[in-house]
Amino acid sequence: MKNNRLRLLRPPTLCALCVAIFGFASASSALAQAWQFEPVFKVGGESDDNARLSTRTDEEVNLSGLLLDARVNIKYASPTTSFSLQPRVVSRNYDAEAAFDSDDYFLRSDFRSRGNLGTVGFRVNFEQESVRRAERADSDLEIEDPDEITDDDTGRVQIFGDRTQWRVSPYWDYQLSDVSTIGAAFNYVDAEYDDVFSGLLTDYSDARLSLKYGRTFSNVTDWAIWLTGRRYEAEDSPLETDAYGVSAVIGRKLSEKTQVRVTIGFEDTDIPGSESDAELVGGVTLTRTLQTIRLLAQYRRSVSAGGSGAGSVRDALNLNFRRRLNEKISAGLGVRAYQTKGARGITSLVERDYVQLRSSLVWYLTRSFVIEADYRYTVQDRGENLGESANSNQVNLWFVYQPKTVPKL
């Protein structure tokens, strides 16, 4: 059923991919004189009083351990081209609970090239992470683009092993006139789990093709119509779910630093053996960027795919807020909250309520040395099917070394 799936690669091949993406971007930027190379090294400690979000107090696992985080931010910018690449490794070591130790690998990349009439670009994201972390929605205060907030986690964090996942997203826009544009975007997600998850989590792929027509009303208002087609395939399910949708998007600049985007539409899900079902999708996103404040607030309703073997309808609230209090201290607040239900013909085992509240404090000792502290309170309720709710308190403390950014020679 998935003969054409993008095969998932392990860390050695990931390194080769980094080189390939880096080389492609370099070749596309012949006058590459604006490269930046930013290594970041972090050492920290973690404490979580219910690391597996167990509903039974006698099964709660209290983890305390050492964390190591190494990443490199590679960036390039010119009047027509932008590129970023971030390979990252996170190692978690828990002396008292060695079964939870893990080495996690990540890659984020983004390339965009703008011509006189059109724009072309792509994103490639890779994650090889323990299921305990990968299937738990965490508030990431570094995300500034609302489209990068994922919605495919299942909350099934009580099992060991890894999830390996790719996200590939090429896109294209073309300027038809001073006020109108057309475009296309393709989003492909492919996830693979360790074999121990048979019957609990299943490999899956989710492919979505979108076509756009957009028009600008004024300097502050624009709108677009999107047509989408989608296919979701799960390894352990004989069903292939197709979906088709249409949505309207209106964007408006409330000020030079504040923007709002409203989306409303329908997605018609076609599951073999059941009647098709049109779900209302859409949302509202507000972004505000000032010299000392960054805000992203979003409500989103979507039909999401995941490793449960079935799609679900998700109502989600996402909030990222960061403020620089003074030259030495900044603070942040994050919220990830959602409610899921099964679409027509899908088991109710996908239903759950989830809330995570995060607070963060950053102290800039010097230009290169930083101390970060954050606290996360997480609640998950799977309703009557799988018992009572579970909650956890997680505290992280990081010591960060980030040398001064140096230009590429």
Protein backbone atom coordinates (compact mmCIF):
# COMPACT_ATOMS: atom_id res chain seq x y z
CA MET A 1 0.00 0.00 0.00
CA LYS A 2 2.94 2.30 0.67
CA ASN A 3 5.38 1.19 -1.98
CA ASN A 4 6.17 4.78 -2.87
CA ARG A 5 6.74 5.95 0.68
CA LEU A 6 9.77 8.08 1.37
CA ARG A 7 12.10 5.70 3.22
CA LEU A 8 13.23 6.87 6.61
CA LEU A 9 16.93 7.32 7.16
CA ARG A 10 19.18 7.00 10.16
CA PRO A 11 21.68 9.61 11.47
CA PRO A 12 24.62 8.77 9.11
CA THR A 13 22.40 9.33 6.07
CA LEU A 14 20.95 12.42 7.75
CA CYS A 15 24.43 13.93 7.81
CA ALA A 16 24.74 13.32 4.09
CA LEU A 17 21.36 15.00 3.57
CA CYS A 18 22.55 18.06 5.50
CA VAL A 19 25.52 18.32 3.15
CA ALA A 20 23.26 17.94 0.10
CA ILE A 21 20.80 20.63 1.25
CA PHE A 22 23.67 22.92 2.23
CA GLY A 23 25.33 22.40 -1.15
CA PHE A 24 22.08 23.03 -3.05
CA ALA A 25 21.52 26.30 -1.25
CA SER A 26 25.14 27.34 -1.75
CA ALA A 27 24.98 26.59 -5.46
CA SER A 28 21.83 28.69 -5.70
CA SER A 29 23.63 31.61 -4.08
CA ALA A 30 26.71 32.22 -6.13
CA LEU A 31 27.62 35.41 -4.30
CA ALA A 32 27.38 33.80 -0.85
CA GLN A 33 28.98 36.42 1.37
CA ALA A 34 26.32 36.73 4.05
CA TRP A 35 26.58 33.30 5.69
CA GLN A 36 26.32 33.00 9.46
CA PHE A 37 27.43 30.03 11.54
CA GLU A 38 26.03 29.84 15.08
CA PRO A 39 26.90 26.81 17.27
CA VAL A 40 24.89 26.42 20.49
CA PHE A 41 25.82 24.06 23.34
CA LYS A 42 23.53 23.39 26.28
CA VAL A 43 23.93 21.33 29.47
CA GLY A 44 20.97 20.94 31.76
CA GLY A 45 18.91 18.97 34.19
CA GLU A 46 15.34 17.70 33.95
CA SER A 47 12.80 16.64 36.56
CA ASP A 48 9.36 15.22 35.66
CA ASP A 49 7.05 13.69 38.28
CA ASN A 50 4.95 11.74 35.73
CA ALA A 51 7.07 11.31 32.62
CA ARG A 52 4.70 8.80 30.96
CA LEU A 53 1.47 10.65 31.79
CA SER A 54 0.14 7.60 33.61
CA THR A 55 -3.41 7.73 34.96
CA ARG A 56 -2.48 5.43 37.89
CA THR A 57 -0.47 6.93 40.72
CA ASP A 58 1.21 3.58 41.41
CA GLU A 59 2.54 3.55 37.81
CA GLU A 60 3.89 7.09 37.72
CA VAL A 61 7.57 7.40 36.77
CA ASN A 62 9.53 10.24 38.36
CA LEU A 63 12.49 11.06 36.12
CA SER A 64 15.52 13.16 36.98
CA GLY A 65 18.49 13.30 34.69
CA LEU A 66 21.18 15.08 32.72
CA LEU A 67 20.51 16.65 29.31
CA LEU A 68 22.96 17.60 26.57
CA ASP A 69 21.88 19.65 23.56
CA ALA A 70 24.15 20.58 20.64
CA ARG A 71 22.98 22.40 17.53
CA VAL A 72 24.32 24.57 14.73
CA ASN A 73 22.32 27.37 13.13
CA ILE A 74 23.47 27.99 9.57
CA LYS A 75 21.89 31.01 7.87
CA TYR A 76 22.18 32.91 4.62
CA ALA A 77 20.31 35.97 3.41
CA SER A 78 20.47 38.13 0.29
CA PRO A 79 17.96 40.41 -1.45
CA THR A 80 16.55 37.40 -3.36
CA THR A 81 17.48 34.30 -1.37
CA SER A 82 17.18 33.10 2.21
CA PHE A 83 18.31 29.80 3.65
CA SER A 84 18.57 28.21 7.09
CA LEU A 85 19.74 24.80 8.28
CA GLN A 86 19.75 23.53 11.86
CA PRO A 87 21.08 20.04 12.64
CA ARG A 88 20.61 19.17 16.32
CA VAL A 89 21.37 16.31 18.74
CA VAL A 90 19.79 15.94 22.21
CA SER A 91 21.02 13.30 24.66
CA ARG A 92 18.99 12.38 27.75
CA ASN A 93 20.51 10.32 30.58
CA TYR A 94 18.57 9.17 33.65
CA ASP A 95 20.78 7.18 36.05
CA ALA A 96 17.92 5.73 38.10
CA GLU A 97 15.77 4.92 35.04
CA ALA A 98 18.22 3.97 32.30
CA ALA A 99 15.42 2.53 30.14
CA PHE A 100 14.35 6.12 29.40
CA ASP A 101 17.79 7.21 28.12
CA SER A 102 17.72 8.43 24.53
CA ASP A 103 19.74 10.14 21.81
CA ASP A 104 17.43 12.24 19.64
CA TYR A 105 18.29 13.73 16.23
CA PHE A 106 16.65 16.67 14.48
CA LEU A 107 17.02 18.67 11.30
CA ARG A 108 15.24 21.86 10.26
CA SER A 109 15.84 23.52 6.93
CA ASP A 110 14.17 26.30 4.98
CA PHE A 111 15.08 27.65 1.52
CA ARG A 112 13.39 30.45 -0.43
CA SER A 113 14.31 32.16 -3.66
CA ARG A 114 12.41 35.21 -4.96
CA GLY A 115 12.48 36.30 -8.60
CA ASN A 116 10.84 39.18 -10.45
CA LEU A 117 7.49 37.37 -10.74
CA GLY A 118 7.65 34.27 -8.59
CA THR A 119 8.90 32.59 -5.43
CA VAL A 120 10.02 28.99 -4.99
CA GLY A 121 11.10 27.27 -1.81
CA PHE A 122 11.03 24.20 0.38
CA ARG A 123 11.17 23.03 3.96
CA VAL A 124 12.65 19.74 5.10
CA ASN A 125 12.27 18.68 8.74
CA PHE A 126 13.54 15.44 10.25
CA GLU A 127 13.04 13.96 13.73
CA GLN A 128 14.28 10.75 15.29
CA GLU A 129 13.02 10.95 18.85
CA SER A 130 11.82 8.72 21.66
CA VAL A 131 8.07 8.14 21.48
CA ARG A 132 7.72 9.47 25.02
CA ARG A 133 8.77 12.87 23.70
CA ALA A 134 7.60 12.72 20.07
CA GLU A 135 3.96 11.83 20.83
CA ARG A 136 3.59 14.56 23.45
CA ALA A 137 2.78 18.08 22.23
CA ASP A 138 5.32 20.45 23.75
CA SER A 139 5.13 24.22 23.66
CA ASP A 140 8.05 25.47 21.55
CA LEU A 141 8.63 29.18 22.14
CA GLU A 142 11.11 29.36 19.25
CA ILE A 143 8.36 28.83 16.66
CA GLU A 144 7.32 32.09 14.99
CA ASP A 145 5.51 30.67 11.94
CA PRO A 146 2.08 29.22 12.92
CA ASP A 147 2.30 26.72 10.03
CA GLU A 148 5.21 25.01 11.84
CA ILE A 149 3.01 24.01 14.80
CA THR A 150 2.29 20.32 14.26
CA ASP A 151 -0.95 18.50 15.09
CA ASP A 152 -0.16 14.79 14.64
CA ASP A 153 0.75 13.67 18.17
CA THR A 154 -1.37 10.89 19.75
CA GLY A 155 -0.54 11.34 23.43
CA ARG A 156 0.49 7.66 23.64
CA VAL A 157 3.69 8.25 25.59
CA GLN A 158 3.67 5.17 27.81
CA ILE A 159 5.75 2.97 25.49
CA PHE A 160 9.45 2.75 24.74
CA GLY A 161 11.26 3.09 21.44
CA ASP A 162 11.67 5.72 18.73
CA ARG A 163 9.59 7.51 16.14
CA THR A 164 11.37 8.60 12.96
CA GLN A 165 9.60 11.24 10.92
CA TRP A 166 10.13 13.34 7.79
CA ARG A 167 8.25 16.47 6.75
CA VAL A 168 8.89 17.69 3.20
CA SER A 169 7.14 20.85 1.97
CA PRO A 170 8.02 22.43 -1.40
CA TYR A 171 5.98 25.44 -2.54
CA TRP A 172 5.70 27.88 -5.44
CA ASP A 173 4.05 31.28 -5.97
CA TYR A 174 3.70 33.27 -9.20
CA GLN A 175 2.66 36.91 -9.61
CA LEU A 176 0.01 37.16 -12.33
CA SER A 177 -0.39 40.92 -11.95
CA ASP A 178 0.12 43.70 -9.44
CA VAL A 179 -2.84 42.40 -7.41
CA SER A 180 -3.22 38.68 -8.12
CA THR A 181 -1.12 35.53 -7.59
CA ILE A 182 -1.34 31.79 -8.07
CA GLY A 183 0.54 29.14 -6.15
CA ALA A 184 0.96 25.50 -5.23
CA ALA A 185 2.20 23.71 -2.12
CA PHE A 186 2.87 20.07 -1.35
CA ASN A 187 3.14 18.78 2.23
CA TYR A 188 4.32 15.24 2.86
CA VAL A 189 4.69 13.58 6.28
CA ASP A 190 6.09 10.08 6.71
CA ALA A 191 6.47 8.43 10.13
CA GLU A 192 7.94 5.09 11.16
CA TYR A 193 7.86 3.49 14.61
CA ASP A 194 9.89 0.73 16.20
CA ASP A 195 8.40 -2.73 15.74
CA VAL A 196 7.44 -3.00 19.42
CA PHE A 197 4.45 -0.73 18.81
CA SER A 198 2.44 -3.25 16.78
CA GLY A 199 -1.22 -2.65 17.61
CA LEU A 200 -0.48 0.59 19.51
CA LEU A 201 1.11 2.94 16.97
CA THR A 202 1.43 2.37 13.25
CA ASP A 203 3.61 3.73 10.47
CA TYR A 204 1.76 6.24 8.33
CA SER A 205 2.10 8.76 5.53
CA ASP A 206 0.05 11.90 4.90
CA ALA A 207 0.32 13.72 1.55
CA ARG A 208 -1.49 16.98 0.78
CA LEU A 209 -1.46 19.00 -2.47
CA SER A 210 -2.83 22.56 -2.34
CA LEU A 211 -3.52 25.06 -5.14
CA LYS A 212 -4.05 28.76 -4.48
CA TYR A 213 -5.43 31.87 -6.12
CA GLY A 214 -4.79 35.08 -4.19
CA ARG A 215 -5.67 38.72 -4.62
CA THR A 216 -4.60 41.91 -2.87
CA PHE A 217 -7.34 44.40 -1.98
CA SER A 218 -5.09 47.09 -0.53
CA ASN A 219 -1.78 47.61 1.21
CA VAL A 220 -3.23 46.07 4.36
CA THR A 221 -5.74 43.45 3.17
CA ASP A 222 -5.46 40.35 0.98
CA TRP A 223 -7.39 37.14 0.46
CA ALA A 224 -6.85 33.72 -1.10
CA ILE A 225 -8.81 30.62 -2.11
CA TRP A 226 -7.16 27.22 -1.51
CA LEU A 227 -8.17 23.89 -3.09
CA THR A 228 -6.67 20.80 -1.47
CA GLY A 229 -6.44 17.07 -2.08
CA ARG A 230 -5.09 14.65 0.49
CA ARG A 231 -4.32 10.98 1.10
CA TYR A 232 -3.62 9.38 4.49
CA GLU A 233 -2.28 5.81 4.63
CA ALA A 234 -1.62 3.73 7.75
CA GLU A 235 0.56 0.62 7.63
CA ASP A 236 -1.70 -1.58 9.80
CA SER A 237 -4.97 -0.40 8.28
CA PRO A 238 -6.48 -1.71 5.02
CA LEU A 239 -8.15 1.67 4.47
CA GLU A 240 -6.70 4.56 2.49
CA THR A 241 -8.37 7.81 3.46
CA ASP A 242 -8.81 10.47 0.79
CA ALA A 243 -9.91 14.02 1.53
CA TYR A 244 -10.75 17.09 -0.54
CA GLY A 245 -11.19 20.60 0.72
CA VAL A 246 -11.70 24.25 -0.07
CA SER A 247 -10.93 27.21 2.17
CA ALA A 248 -10.85 30.99 2.09
CA VAL A 249 -8.11 32.99 3.82
CA ILE A 250 -8.28 36.69 4.63
CA GLY A 251 -5.20 38.48 5.94
CA ARG A 252 -5.06 42.00 7.32
CA LYS A 253 -2.32 44.18 8.78
CA LEU A 254 -3.74 45.86 11.84
CA SER A 255 -0.53 47.87 12.11
CA GLU A 256 3.04 47.71 10.86
CA LYS A 257 3.85 45.16 13.61
CA THR A 258 0.52 43.33 14.00
CA GLN A 259 -1.21 40.97 11.56
CA VAL A 260 -4.30 38.79 11.71
CA ARG A 261 -5.27 35.89 9.43
CA VAL A 262 -8.70 34.26 9.29
CA THR A 263 -9.34 30.91 7.54
CA ILE A 264 -12.63 29.11 7.01
CA GLY A 265 -13.42 26.10 4.83
CA PHE A 266 -14.45 22.47 4.60
CA GLU A 267 -12.60 19.18 4.24
CA ASP A 268 -14.58 16.22 2.90
CA THR A 269 -13.16 12.91 4.18
CA ASP A 270 -13.79 9.79 2.11
CA ILE A 271 -13.28 6.55 4.06
CA PRO A 272 -13.97 3.29 2.18
CA GLY A 273 -17.06 1.55 3.58
CA SER A 274 -18.55 4.70 5.13
CA GLU A 275 -20.30 7.82 3.99
CA SER A 276 -18.13 10.83 3.21
CA ASP A 277 -18.16 13.51 5.86
CA ALA A 278 -17.45 17.23 5.38
CA GLU A 279 -15.78 18.80 8.41
CA LEU A 280 -15.58 22.52 9.09
CA VAL A 281 -11.92 23.63 9.25
CA GLY A 282 -10.18 26.96 9.71
CA GLY A 283 -9.05 29.29 12.43
CA VAL A 284 -7.75 32.70 13.48
CA THR A 285 -4.08 33.63 13.89
CA LEU A 286 -2.70 36.84 15.43
CA THR A 287 0.99 37.76 15.30
CA ARG A 288 2.64 40.81 16.83
CA THR A 289 6.34 41.66 16.70
CA LEU A 290 7.85 44.61 18.57
CA GLN A 291 11.37 45.39 19.67
CA THR A 292 10.87 43.66 23.02
CA ILE A 293 7.73 41.53 22.42
CA ARG A 294 6.84 38.59 20.19
CA LEU A 295 3.32 37.17 20.23
CA LEU A 296 1.71 34.31 18.30
CA ALA A 297 -1.89 33.42 19.23
CA GLN A 298 -3.92 30.92 17.24
CA TYR A 299 -7.14 28.96 17.28
CA ARG A 300 -7.18 26.20 14.67
CA ARG A 301 -9.65 23.48 13.68
CA SER A 302 -8.19 20.79 11.42
CA VAL A 303 -8.47 17.17 10.32
CA SER A 304 -5.19 15.71 11.56
CA ALA A 305 -3.35 12.48 10.82
CA GLY A 306 -1.16 10.47 13.18
CA GLY A 307 0.16 7.12 14.31
CA SER A 308 -3.16 5.99 15.80
CA GLY A 309 -4.12 4.54 12.42
CA ALA A 310 -7.03 6.92 11.94
CA GLY A 311 -7.60 10.63 11.37
CA SER A 312 -9.20 12.92 13.91
CA VAL A 313 -10.83 16.33 14.08
CA ARG A 314 -8.85 18.66 16.32
CA ASP A 315 -9.76 22.00 17.92
CA ALA A 316 -6.51 23.57 19.11
CA LEU A 317 -5.37 26.70 20.92
CA ASN A 318 -1.71 27.71 20.57
CA LEU A 319 0.04 30.63 22.25
CA ASN A 320 3.68 31.75 22.18
CA PHE A 321 4.56 34.93 24.04
CA ARG A 322 8.04 36.28 24.72
CA ARG A 323 9.07 39.58 26.28
CA ARG A 324 12.47 41.11 26.96
CA LEU A 325 12.14 42.55 30.47
CA ASN A 326 15.52 44.30 30.42
CA GLU A 327 18.98 43.88 28.92
CA LYS A 328 19.66 40.77 31.01
CA ILE A 329 16.32 38.99 31.46
CA SER A 330 13.52 37.80 29.19
CA ALA A 331 10.42 35.76 29.98
CA GLY A 332 8.09 33.57 27.96
CA LEU A 333 4.68 31.93 28.17
CA GLY A 334 3.42 29.05 26.04
CA VAL A 335 0.12 27.18 25.74
CA ARG A 336 -0.73 24.04 23.76
CA ALA A 337 -4.33 22.96 24.28
CA TYR A 338 -6.56 20.83 22.08
CA GLN A 339 -9.55 18.52 21.97
CA THR A 340 -9.81 15.70 19.44
CA LYS A 341 -12.67 13.52 18.29
CA GLY A 342 -12.97 10.77 15.72
CA ALA A 343 -14.18 11.61 12.22
CA ARG A 344 -17.03 9.58 10.70
CA GLY A 345 -16.29 5.86 10.83
CA ILE A 346 -13.25 6.29 13.09
CA THR A 347 -12.97 4.73 16.55
CA SER A 348 -13.43 6.97 19.58
CA LEU A 349 -10.03 5.85 20.96
CA VAL A 350 -8.51 8.92 19.27
CA GLU A 351 -10.59 11.21 21.51
CA ARG A 352 -8.77 13.15 24.22
CA ASP A 353 -8.31 16.53 25.87
CA TYR A 354 -4.80 17.91 26.25
CA VAL A 355 -3.38 21.05 27.89
CA GLN A 356 0.20 22.14 28.45
CA LEU A 357 1.12 25.42 30.14
CA ARG A 358 4.72 26.58 29.98
CA SER A 359 6.59 29.43 31.64
CA SER A 360 10.18 30.33 30.81
CA LEU A 361 12.82 32.68 32.21
CA VAL A 362 16.12 33.46 30.47
CA TRP A 363 19.05 35.25 32.13
CA TYR A 364 21.76 36.60 29.80
CA LEU A 365 24.93 36.53 31.90
CA THR A 366 27.11 37.64 28.99
CA ARG A 367 26.85 37.68 25.21
CA SER A 368 27.88 34.02 25.13
CA PHE A 369 26.61 32.53 28.43
CA VAL A 370 22.92 32.15 29.25
CA ILE A 371 20.87 30.42 31.96
CA GLU A 372 17.40 29.16 30.99
CA ALA A 373 14.74 27.84 33.36
CA ASP A 374 11.31 26.62 32.39
CA TYR A 375 8.34 24.86 33.96
CA ARG A 376 5.66 22.84 32.13
CA TYR A 377 2.39 21.60 33.55
CA THR A 378 0.68 19.02 31.34
CA VAL A 379 -2.78 17.44 31.63
CA GLN A 380 -4.22 14.72 29.40
CA ASP A 381 -7.71 13.20 29.66
CA ARG A 382 -8.73 10.32 27.43
CA GLY A 383 -12.25 10.20 28.82
CA GLU A 384 -14.20 7.13 29.83
CA ASN A 385 -12.55 4.79 27.32
CA LEU A 386 -9.06 4.75 28.86
CA GLY A 387 -9.55 5.90 32.43
CA GLU A 388 -9.02 9.09 34.36
CA SER A 389 -6.87 12.06 33.46
CA ALA A 390 -3.12 12.29 34.01
CA ASN A 391 -0.93 15.28 34.80
CA SER A 392 2.76 16.02 35.18
CA ASN A 393 5.05 18.76 36.44
CA GLN A 394 8.30 19.16 34.50
CA VAL A 395 11.17 21.51 35.37
CA ASN A 396 14.22 22.10 33.17
CA LEU A 397 17.32 24.14 33.95
CA TRP A 398 19.84 24.85 31.18
CA PHE A 399 23.32 26.38 31.06
CA VAL A 400 23.92 27.63 27.53
CA TYR A 401 27.10 28.54 25.68
CA GLN A 402 26.56 30.34 22.36
CA PRO A 403 29.70 31.87 20.89
CA LYS A 404 29.40 35.11 19.01
CA THR A 405 28.02 34.66 15.49
CA VAL A 406 30.84 34.56 12.93
CA PRO A 407 30.45 35.08 9.16
CA LYS A 408 31.36 32.25 6.83
CA LEU A 409 34.80 32.82 5.27
